[in-house]
Amino acid sequence: MASEIEAQAASLEKARSSLVVAKQKHELANAEIEANANEYYDDKFEKVKAAARDAQMPSSKKWYNFWERATRIPKDEKYETCKGENLKYKSIVKANAELVKLLAEEDSWSQVSNKKGVKVEVSSDRSIGNSKLYRASTTLPISPRQLLVTQIRAPLQGQNDDNLVYMREHYNFVGGHTSLVHYITKVAPFGSVSLRDFFDLTNWEELEDGSVIFTSQSVKVNVGKIPGSVSGQNFLYGLYMKPKSVTKRGNMLGLGASEEVEGTELYVFSQTNFSGWLPSFVVNWYAPGLIINKIKSAEKAATAMIKDNNSEKFIRRYVDRELDDEEAE
């Protein structure tokens, strides 16, 4: 009898010990989630950050199941686009890049704004429902590759774009040019307009002449609903960055010599369905300003990167996909 009781006690102690270990592993898993969940988040929006975590990661099991599934996405994986098409991801990004090149050459545009050195035009024949297609153009004293880094590095965007609330890269496909990205942004600079939530397939490619094309289009992937936000759809967001020699002038006070630098002739294309209850005339009023803000935020991010002497390092790491010496070791 005594030996049976001892055996039961030993079994109970083993179970208790296993439970303690399981709880410790669970705590470590949750700590890892919190440490790595957000590529970027804005401290001013703690509630949104918490809601995002609750919606996307209610348990470590869901988190790891997502990544287990994500890492097995085959190269011919199909996605349903916001246009209702079910296509392979390579077909989606290829079509978007071709469309951006075509739109840069089209003439059917009418000017709606010209502020801060950025001209914004609207297409006369490419609307989808109430969503108009806009084209913005300007010249920046920043190279195409430097500008590209600001589009693929969430921390750079977050630190310099006051409208960006949350951004996370869920998956980066083989080759490093294509990603699945979830982000939340403010639409209106004031008032009680809800945040907009987007899940996009992004891609970039570099052409033989040194031009760079970056595109982003919403796809239907279930990552959970963020409370207090409205799901939006990017029919197209694209940048066509052409290398161009640009005269960089001195500061605003006229101090400092002008110099020729490698710059960019930039075209930005944007066609978004903001959904919700926003009237179309309000969206059309906001849209040009939102595009200009994105361009100026990218310029600000690139300027900060250059000032901090991070330009070459970031291009090597995130564009050329090369490891630093200390990482290689």
Protein backbone atom coordinates (compact mmCIF):
# COMPACT_ATOMS: atom_id res chain seq x y z
CA MET A 1 0.00 0.00 0.00
CA ALA A 2 2.80 2.37 0.94
CA SER A 3 4.61 1.76 -2.35
CA GLU A 4 1.40 2.47 -4.29
CA ILE A 5 0.96 5.79 -2.46
CA GLU A 6 4.59 6.67 -3.14
CA ALA A 7 4.13 5.88 -6.84
CA GLN A 8 1.03 8.10 -6.99
CA ALA A 9 2.88 10.90 -5.21
CA ALA A 10 5.80 10.60 -7.63
CA SER A 11 3.41 10.66 -10.58
CA LEU A 12 1.66 13.71 -9.14
CA GLU A 13 4.98 15.49 -8.59
CA LYS A 14 6.04 14.69 -12.17
CA ALA A 15 2.77 16.13 -13.51
CA ARG A 16 3.15 19.22 -11.33
CA SER A 17 6.72 19.71 -12.54
CA SER A 18 5.61 19.33 -16.18
CA LEU A 19 2.90 21.96 -15.63
CA VAL A 20 5.42 24.39 -14.16
CA VAL A 21 7.73 23.89 -17.14
CA ALA A 22 4.80 24.30 -19.55
CA LYS A 23 3.80 27.58 -17.90
CA GLN A 24 7.38 28.85 -18.08
CA LYS A 25 7.57 27.99 -21.79
CA HIS A 26 4.24 29.69 -22.37
CA GLU A 27 5.47 32.85 -20.64
CA LEU A 28 8.67 32.81 -22.70
CA ALA A 29 6.65 32.35 -25.89
CA ASN A 30 4.42 35.30 -25.04
CA ALA A 31 7.46 37.41 -24.20
CA GLU A 32 8.96 36.55 -27.59
CA ILE A 33 5.68 37.48 -29.28
CA GLU A 34 5.61 40.88 -27.63
CA ALA A 35 9.27 41.48 -28.44
CA ASN A 36 8.94 40.63 -32.11
CA ALA A 37 5.28 41.21 -32.98
CA ASN A 38 5.57 44.76 -34.22
CA GLU A 39 8.16 45.93 -36.69
CA TYR A 40 6.96 49.38 -35.78
CA TYR A 41 4.34 50.87 -33.51
CA ASP A 42 3.64 54.40 -32.36
CA ASP A 43 3.74 54.90 -28.59
CA LYS A 44 0.92 57.44 -28.90
CA PHE A 45 -1.44 54.61 -29.83
CA GLU A 46 -1.02 52.09 -27.01
CA LYS A 47 -4.70 51.08 -27.19
CA VAL A 48 -4.45 50.29 -30.89
CA LYS A 49 -1.28 48.31 -30.32
CA ALA A 50 -2.97 46.29 -27.56
CA ALA A 51 -6.06 45.74 -29.72
CA ALA A 52 -3.88 44.56 -32.59
CA ARG A 53 -2.18 42.03 -30.35
CA ASP A 54 -5.50 40.81 -28.96
CA ALA A 55 -7.02 40.48 -32.41
CA GLN A 56 -4.07 38.77 -34.08
CA MET A 57 -2.45 36.89 -31.24
CA PRO A 58 -4.94 35.80 -28.58
CA SER A 59 -2.64 32.85 -27.81
CA SER A 60 0.84 31.67 -28.62
CA LYS A 61 -0.69 28.71 -30.47
CA LYS A 62 -2.39 30.94 -33.01
CA TRP A 63 0.80 32.97 -33.42
CA TYR A 64 2.99 29.95 -34.12
CA ASN A 65 0.36 28.26 -36.28
CA PHE A 66 0.29 31.37 -38.44
CA TRP A 67 4.02 31.32 -38.98
CA GLU A 68 4.04 27.56 -39.49
CA ARG A 69 1.52 28.09 -42.29
CA ALA A 70 3.22 31.20 -43.63
CA THR A 71 6.62 29.60 -44.01
CA ARG A 72 5.04 26.91 -46.16
CA ILE A 73 3.46 29.27 -48.67
CA PRO A 74 4.43 27.82 -52.06
CA LYS A 75 5.67 30.00 -54.87
CA ASP A 76 2.43 29.49 -56.76
CA GLU A 77 0.20 30.48 -53.82
CA LYS A 78 -2.90 32.31 -55.00
CA TYR A 79 -4.53 35.32 -53.36
CA GLU A 80 -7.86 36.98 -53.88
CA THR A 81 -7.22 40.60 -54.75
CA CYS A 82 -9.45 43.50 -53.75
CA LYS A 83 -10.62 43.47 -57.38
CA GLY A 84 -12.08 39.99 -56.88
CA GLU A 85 -9.44 38.14 -58.91
CA ASN A 86 -7.83 34.92 -57.65
CA LEU A 87 -4.24 35.02 -58.91
CA LYS A 88 -0.74 33.78 -58.17
CA TYR A 89 1.22 36.34 -56.21
CA LYS A 90 3.82 36.66 -58.97
CA SER A 91 1.06 37.46 -61.47
CA ILE A 92 -0.35 40.15 -59.17
CA VAL A 93 2.93 41.97 -58.64
CA LYS A 94 3.92 41.68 -62.30
CA ALA A 95 0.63 43.20 -63.44
CA ASN A 96 0.96 46.03 -60.92
CA ALA A 97 4.47 46.91 -62.09
CA GLU A 98 3.37 46.93 -65.73
CA LEU A 99 0.41 49.13 -64.84
CA VAL A 100 2.66 51.66 -63.07
CA LYS A 101 4.92 51.91 -66.12
CA LEU A 102 1.88 52.40 -68.36
CA LEU A 103 0.30 55.06 -66.13
CA ALA A 104 3.52 57.08 -66.07
CA GLU A 105 3.20 57.56 -69.83
CA GLU A 106 -0.55 58.22 -70.05
CA ASP A 107 -1.88 61.68 -70.91
CA SER A 108 -5.44 61.45 -69.57
CA TRP A 109 -4.80 63.34 -66.34
CA SER A 110 -6.28 66.55 -64.90
CA GLN A 111 -4.44 68.58 -62.28
CA VAL A 112 -6.20 68.91 -58.90
CA SER A 113 -3.39 70.19 -56.66
CA ASN A 114 0.12 71.65 -56.75
CA LYS A 115 1.48 72.11 -53.24
CA LYS A 116 4.87 71.68 -51.58
CA GLY A 117 6.47 71.06 -54.95
CA VAL A 118 4.22 68.06 -55.69
CA LYS A 119 1.76 68.09 -58.58
CA VAL A 120 -1.29 65.87 -58.09
CA GLU A 121 -3.50 64.81 -60.99
CA VAL A 122 -6.59 62.61 -61.33
CA SER A 123 -7.30 60.14 -64.14
CA SER A 124 -10.34 60.86 -66.28
CA ASP A 125 -11.16 57.25 -67.12
CA ARG A 126 -9.71 54.83 -64.52
CA SER A 127 -12.07 55.19 -61.55
CA ILE A 128 -13.25 52.01 -59.79
CA GLY A 129 -16.63 52.79 -58.29
CA ASN A 130 -16.13 56.00 -56.30
CA SER A 131 -12.38 55.42 -55.97
CA LYS A 132 -10.43 57.79 -58.21
CA LEU A 133 -6.92 57.10 -59.48
CA TYR A 134 -4.42 59.84 -58.60
CA ARG A 135 -0.94 60.52 -59.93
CA ALA A 136 1.55 62.69 -58.05
CA SER A 137 4.88 63.82 -59.49
CA THR A 138 7.91 65.61 -58.11
CA THR A 139 11.71 65.57 -58.08
CA LEU A 140 13.67 64.71 -54.93
CA PRO A 141 17.40 65.04 -54.08
CA ILE A 142 17.38 61.38 -53.00
CA SER A 143 18.37 58.37 -55.10
CA PRO A 144 15.80 55.72 -56.12
CA ARG A 145 17.47 53.12 -53.90
CA GLN A 146 17.45 55.44 -50.89
CA LEU A 147 13.80 56.17 -51.51
CA LEU A 148 13.05 52.46 -51.84
CA VAL A 149 14.46 51.78 -48.37
CA THR A 150 11.83 54.12 -46.90
CA GLN A 151 9.08 51.97 -48.43
CA ILE A 152 10.36 48.59 -47.25
CA ARG A 153 11.60 49.54 -43.77
CA ALA A 154 8.66 50.04 -41.43
CA PRO A 155 10.65 51.79 -38.66
CA LEU A 156 11.71 54.52 -41.09
CA GLN A 157 8.11 55.07 -42.12
CA GLY A 158 6.84 55.03 -38.57
CA GLN A 159 9.37 57.50 -37.25
CA ASN A 160 8.61 60.01 -39.98
CA ASP A 161 4.93 59.53 -40.91
CA ASP A 162 2.55 60.94 -38.31
CA ASN A 163 -0.40 59.16 -39.94
CA LEU A 164 1.05 55.65 -39.61
CA VAL A 165 -0.17 53.90 -36.47
CA TYR A 166 0.86 50.26 -36.90
CA MET A 167 2.84 48.25 -39.46
CA ARG A 168 3.97 44.66 -39.53
CA GLU A 169 5.51 42.51 -42.25
CA HIS A 170 3.87 39.09 -41.96
CA TYR A 171 5.85 37.26 -44.60
CA ASN A 172 8.72 37.94 -46.99
CA PHE A 173 8.82 35.69 -50.04
CA VAL A 174 11.95 34.03 -51.40
CA GLY A 175 14.10 36.66 -53.11
CA GLY A 176 13.24 39.39 -50.63
CA HIS A 177 11.30 41.61 -53.05
CA THR A 178 7.73 40.59 -52.18
CA SER A 179 6.01 40.83 -48.80
CA LEU A 180 2.66 40.54 -47.07
CA VAL A 181 2.24 43.69 -44.98
CA HIS A 182 -0.45 44.71 -42.50
CA TYR A 183 -0.71 48.38 -41.53
CA ILE A 184 -3.10 50.85 -39.92
CA THR A 185 -3.18 54.53 -40.73
CA LYS A 186 -5.06 57.71 -39.99
CA VAL A 187 -7.08 59.10 -42.89
CA ALA A 188 -8.03 62.55 -41.64
CA PRO A 189 -5.69 64.97 -39.85
CA PHE A 190 -8.54 65.97 -37.52
CA GLY A 191 -12.05 64.95 -36.48
CA SER A 192 -13.39 61.52 -35.50
CA VAL A 193 -12.70 59.60 -38.71
CA SER A 194 -11.90 55.95 -37.93
CA LEU A 195 -8.47 54.49 -38.59
CA ARG A 196 -8.11 52.47 -41.80
CA ASP A 197 -6.75 48.94 -41.77
CA PHE A 198 -4.95 47.49 -44.85
CA PHE A 199 -3.40 44.11 -45.68
CA ASP A 200 -1.28 44.41 -48.83
CA LEU A 201 0.94 42.40 -51.13
CA THR A 202 3.97 44.62 -51.79
CA ASN A 203 6.76 44.22 -54.30
CA TRP A 204 9.70 46.10 -55.76
CA GLU A 205 11.93 45.64 -58.77
CA GLU A 206 14.95 47.45 -60.17
CA LEU A 207 15.14 48.09 -63.92
CA GLU A 208 18.25 48.12 -66.09
CA ASP A 209 18.32 51.93 -66.27
CA GLY A 210 18.45 52.19 -62.47
CA SER A 211 14.75 52.98 -62.08
CA VAL A 212 12.91 51.30 -59.22
CA ILE A 213 9.22 50.35 -59.13
CA PHE A 214 7.44 49.71 -55.83
CA THR A 215 3.83 48.51 -55.75
CA SER A 216 1.27 47.64 -53.11
CA GLN A 217 -2.19 46.11 -53.55
CA SER A 218 -4.64 44.80 -50.96
CA VAL A 219 -5.34 41.07 -50.84
CA LYS A 220 -7.83 39.12 -48.77
CA VAL A 221 -6.00 37.43 -45.90
CA ASN A 222 -7.63 36.86 -42.52
CA VAL A 223 -5.41 38.30 -39.81
CA GLY A 224 -8.18 39.39 -37.47
CA LYS A 225 -10.19 42.58 -37.19
CA ILE A 226 -8.66 45.52 -35.34
CA PRO A 227 -11.33 47.05 -33.06
CA GLY A 228 -12.10 50.69 -33.84
CA SER A 229 -10.77 50.53 -37.39
CA VAL A 230 -12.33 50.14 -40.84
CA SER A 231 -10.87 47.75 -43.42
CA GLY A 232 -9.72 49.64 -46.51
CA GLN A 233 -8.55 48.42 -49.91
CA ASN A 234 -5.66 49.62 -52.01
CA PHE A 235 -6.52 48.90 -55.62
CA LEU A 236 -3.08 50.29 -56.39
CA TYR A 237 -0.36 52.17 -54.59
CA GLY A 238 2.77 52.48 -56.68
CA LEU A 239 6.00 54.44 -56.95
CA TYR A 240 7.99 54.82 -60.16
CA MET A 241 11.42 56.14 -59.16
CA LYS A 242 13.62 57.23 -62.07
CA PRO A 243 17.25 58.31 -61.49
CA LYS A 244 17.87 61.95 -62.27
CA SER A 245 20.68 64.37 -61.51
CA VAL A 246 19.29 67.01 -59.14
CA THR A 247 20.70 70.26 -57.82
CA LYS A 248 20.58 70.18 -54.05
CA ARG A 249 20.54 73.73 -52.78
CA GLY A 250 21.72 75.17 -49.48
CA ASN A 251 19.49 75.45 -46.45
CA MET A 252 16.42 77.67 -46.11
CA LEU A 253 18.58 80.61 -45.03
CA GLY A 254 20.55 80.42 -48.25
CA LEU A 255 23.63 79.11 -46.50
CA GLY A 256 25.70 76.28 -47.91
CA ALA A 257 26.75 75.62 -51.47
CA SER A 258 24.55 73.95 -54.06
CA GLU A 259 25.65 70.59 -55.38
CA GLU A 260 24.64 68.03 -57.98
CA VAL A 261 23.40 64.81 -56.37
CA GLU A 262 21.85 61.57 -57.53
CA GLY A 263 18.16 62.30 -57.28
CA THR A 264 14.82 60.86 -58.32
CA GLU A 265 12.11 61.83 -60.74
CA LEU A 266 9.18 60.39 -58.80
CA TYR A 267 5.69 59.35 -59.85
CA VAL A 268 3.25 58.09 -57.22
CA PHE A 269 -0.02 56.38 -58.10
CA SER A 270 -2.80 55.88 -55.58
CA GLN A 271 -6.29 54.39 -55.87
CA THR A 272 -7.88 53.47 -52.55
CA ASN A 273 -11.30 52.42 -51.30
CA PHE A 274 -11.46 53.83 -47.77
CA SER A 275 -14.82 52.08 -47.11
CA GLY A 276 -16.88 53.09 -44.09
CA TRP A 277 -19.22 56.07 -44.17
CA LEU A 278 -16.90 58.64 -45.67
CA PRO A 279 -18.73 60.53 -48.47
CA SER A 280 -16.88 60.47 -51.79
CA PHE A 281 -16.51 64.26 -51.86
CA VAL A 282 -14.74 64.13 -48.47
CA VAL A 283 -12.39 61.37 -49.71
CA ASN A 284 -11.61 63.36 -52.85
CA TRP A 285 -10.82 66.38 -50.68
CA TYR A 286 -8.46 64.36 -48.42
CA ALA A 287 -6.79 62.22 -51.08
CA PRO A 288 -4.31 64.71 -52.62
CA GLY A 289 -3.10 65.77 -49.18
CA LEU A 290 -2.61 62.16 -48.08
CA ILE A 291 -0.46 61.43 -51.13
CA ILE A 292 1.63 64.55 -50.62
CA ASN A 293 2.08 63.63 -46.95
CA LYS A 294 3.35 60.16 -47.93
CA ILE A 295 5.89 61.66 -50.31
CA LYS A 296 7.11 64.21 -47.77
CA SER A 297 7.29 61.52 -45.07
CA ALA A 298 9.42 59.35 -47.37
CA GLU A 299 11.68 62.31 -48.15
CA LYS A 300 12.00 63.08 -44.44
CA ALA A 301 12.81 59.43 -43.66
CA ALA A 302 15.46 59.24 -46.39
CA THR A 303 17.02 62.53 -45.29
CA ALA A 304 17.24 61.28 -41.70
CA MET A 305 18.77 58.00 -42.88
CA ILE A 306 21.41 59.87 -44.89
CA LYS A 307 22.13 62.28 -42.03
CA ASP A 308 22.66 59.33 -39.66
CA ASN A 309 25.11 57.76 -42.15
CA ASN A 310 22.87 54.70 -42.48
CA SER A 311 22.15 54.98 -46.20
CA GLU A 312 24.82 52.59 -47.50
CA LYS A 313 24.28 50.10 -44.68
CA PHE A 314 20.48 49.97 -45.14
CA ILE A 315 20.76 49.64 -48.92
CA ARG A 316 23.28 46.83 -48.53
CA ARG A 317 21.15 45.03 -45.95
CA TYR A 318 17.58 45.56 -47.17
CA VAL A 319 17.98 46.10 -50.92
CA ASP A 320 21.05 44.03 -51.82
CA ARG A 321 20.26 41.58 -48.99
CA GLU A 322 23.88 41.39 -47.85
CA LEU A 323 24.89 40.73 -44.26
CA ASP A 324 27.16 43.08 -42.36
CA ASP A 325 30.59 41.68 -41.48
CA GLU A 326 29.67 41.12 -37.84
CA GLU A 327 26.44 39.34 -38.86
CA ALA A 328 28.22 37.13 -41.37
CA GLU A 329 30.58 35.97 -38.66
